[in-house]
């Protein structure tokens, strides 16, 4: 596994853990939406995975971000 792949995996794991911790507060307003996460922070909520991915790719050129639905 390359360094960037390892970094992405760690980022995804950390973001997922954070996402689970905030999920109960998100469900009432954002059920069915997609969350863009970076460095254990919720960056923005999007209507589609494609929109979240496009924004993440533009914001984080190294590709180190994650999306949760």
C-alpha atoms as a PDB file:
ATOM      1  CA  UNK A   1       0.000   0.000   0.000  1.00  0.00           C
ATOM      2  CA  UNK A   2       1.431   3.400  -0.980  1.00  0.00           C
ATOM      3  CA  UNK A   3       1.709   6.284   1.466  1.00  0.00           C
ATOM      4  CA  UNK A   4      -1.200   8.175  -0.118  1.00  0.00           C
ATOM      5  CA  UNK A   5      -3.389   5.050  -0.049  1.00  0.00           C
ATOM      6  CA  UNK A   6      -2.523   4.528   3.604  1.00  0.00           C
ATOM      7  CA  UNK A   7      -3.297   8.181   4.351  1.00  0.00           C
ATOM      8  CA  UNK A   8      -6.660   7.871   2.576  1.00  0.00           C
ATOM      9  CA  UNK A   9      -7.525   4.735   4.557  1.00  0.00           C
ATOM     10  CA  UNK A  10      -6.668   6.403   7.872  1.00  0.00           C
ATOM     11  CA  UNK A  11      -8.673   9.507   6.864  1.00  0.00           C
ATOM     12  CA  UNK A  12     -11.670   7.374   5.891  1.00  0.00           C
ATOM     13  CA  UNK A  13     -11.554   5.411   9.139  1.00  0.00           C
ATOM     14  CA  UNK A  14     -11.265   8.557  11.261  1.00  0.00           C
ATOM     15  CA  UNK A  15     -14.009  10.331   9.341  1.00  0.00           C
ATOM     16  CA  UNK A  16     -16.329   7.337   9.596  1.00  0.00           C
ATOM     17  CA  UNK A  17     -15.844   7.173  13.355  1.00  0.00           C
ATOM     18  CA  UNK A  18     -16.606  10.899  13.584  1.00  0.00           C
ATOM     19  CA  UNK A  19     -19.623  10.540  11.260  1.00  0.00           C
ATOM     20  CA  UNK A  20     -21.117   7.833  13.476  1.00  0.00           C
ATOM     21  CA  UNK A  21     -20.713  10.105  16.502  1.00  0.00           C
ATOM     22  CA  UNK A  22     -22.677  12.949  14.866  1.00  0.00           C
ATOM     23  CA  UNK A  23     -25.172  10.822  12.922  1.00  0.00           C
ATOM     24  CA  UNK A  24     -28.016  11.055  15.459  1.00  0.00           C
ATOM     25  CA  UNK A  25     -27.981  14.844  15.184  1.00  0.00           C
ATOM     26  CA  UNK A  26     -27.935  14.735  11.365  1.00  0.00           C
ATOM     27  CA  UNK A  27     -30.757  12.289  10.720  1.00  0.00           C
ATOM     28  CA  UNK A  28     -33.705  14.619  11.410  1.00  0.00           C
ATOM     29  CA  UNK A  29     -32.635  17.260   8.899  1.00  0.00           C
ATOM     30  CA  UNK A  30     -30.379  15.411   6.456  1.00  0.00           C
ATOM     31  CA  UNK A  31     -31.628  11.843   6.071  1.00  0.00           C
ATOM     32  CA  UNK A  32     -30.844  10.616   2.553  1.00  0.00           C
ATOM     33  CA  UNK A  33     -28.228  13.332   1.965  1.00  0.00           C
ATOM     34  CA  UNK A  34     -24.453  12.951   1.577  1.00  0.00           C
ATOM     35  CA  UNK A  35     -21.869  14.343   3.968  1.00  0.00           C
ATOM     36  CA  UNK A  36     -18.426  15.464   2.842  1.00  0.00           C
ATOM     37  CA  UNK A  37     -15.906  14.897   5.637  1.00  0.00           C
ATOM     38  CA  UNK A  38     -12.274  15.865   6.056  1.00  0.00           C
ATOM     39  CA  UNK A  39     -10.004  15.627   9.108  1.00  0.00           C
ATOM     40  CA  UNK A  40     -12.875  14.482  11.319  1.00  0.00           C
ATOM     41  CA  UNK A  41     -14.943  17.520  10.388  1.00  0.00           C
ATOM     42  CA  UNK A  42     -18.242  17.798   8.572  1.00  0.00           C
ATOM     43  CA  UNK A  43     -17.476  20.085   5.646  1.00  0.00           C
ATOM     44  CA  UNK A  44     -20.843  20.250   3.897  1.00  0.00           C
ATOM     45  CA  UNK A  45     -24.033  18.309   3.180  1.00  0.00           C
ATOM     46  CA  UNK A  46     -24.945  17.541  -0.453  1.00  0.00           C
ATOM     47  CA  UNK A  47     -27.979  16.094  -2.203  1.00  0.00           C
ATOM     48  CA  UNK A  48     -25.967  13.526  -4.185  1.00  0.00           C
ATOM     49  CA  UNK A  49     -22.775  11.524  -3.848  1.00  0.00           C
ATOM     50  CA  UNK A  50     -21.652  12.930  -7.199  1.00  0.00           C
ATOM     51  CA  UNK A  51     -21.968  16.512  -5.926  1.00  0.00           C
ATOM     52  CA  UNK A  52     -20.098  15.664  -2.720  1.00  0.00           C
ATOM     53  CA  UNK A  53     -17.355  13.895  -4.660  1.00  0.00           C
ATOM     54  CA  UNK A  54     -16.954  16.784  -7.101  1.00  0.00           C
ATOM     55  CA  UNK A  55     -16.659  19.297  -4.252  1.00  0.00           C
ATOM     56  CA  UNK A  56     -14.238  17.071  -2.330  1.00  0.00           C
ATOM     57  CA  UNK A  57     -12.058  16.602  -5.395  1.00  0.00           C
ATOM     58  CA  UNK A  58     -11.895  20.351  -5.975  1.00  0.00           C
ATOM     59  CA  UNK A  59     -11.197  21.181  -2.329  1.00  0.00           C
ATOM     60  CA  UNK A  60      -8.740  18.361  -1.571  1.00  0.00           C
ATOM     61  CA  UNK A  61      -6.525  17.762  -4.589  1.00  0.00           C
ATOM     62  CA  UNK A  62      -4.748  14.885  -2.813  1.00  0.00           C
ATOM     63  CA  UNK A  63      -8.073  13.007  -2.640  1.00  0.00           C
ATOM     64  CA  UNK A  64      -7.908  12.654   1.134  1.00  0.00           C
ATOM     65  CA  UNK A  65     -11.555  13.097   2.120  1.00  0.00           C
ATOM     66  CA  UNK A  66     -14.569  10.877   2.539  1.00  0.00           C
ATOM     67  CA  UNK A  67     -18.286  10.868   1.835  1.00  0.00           C
ATOM     68  CA  UNK A  68     -21.003   9.255   3.928  1.00  0.00           C
ATOM     69  CA  UNK A  69     -24.692   8.896   3.175  1.00  0.00           C
END
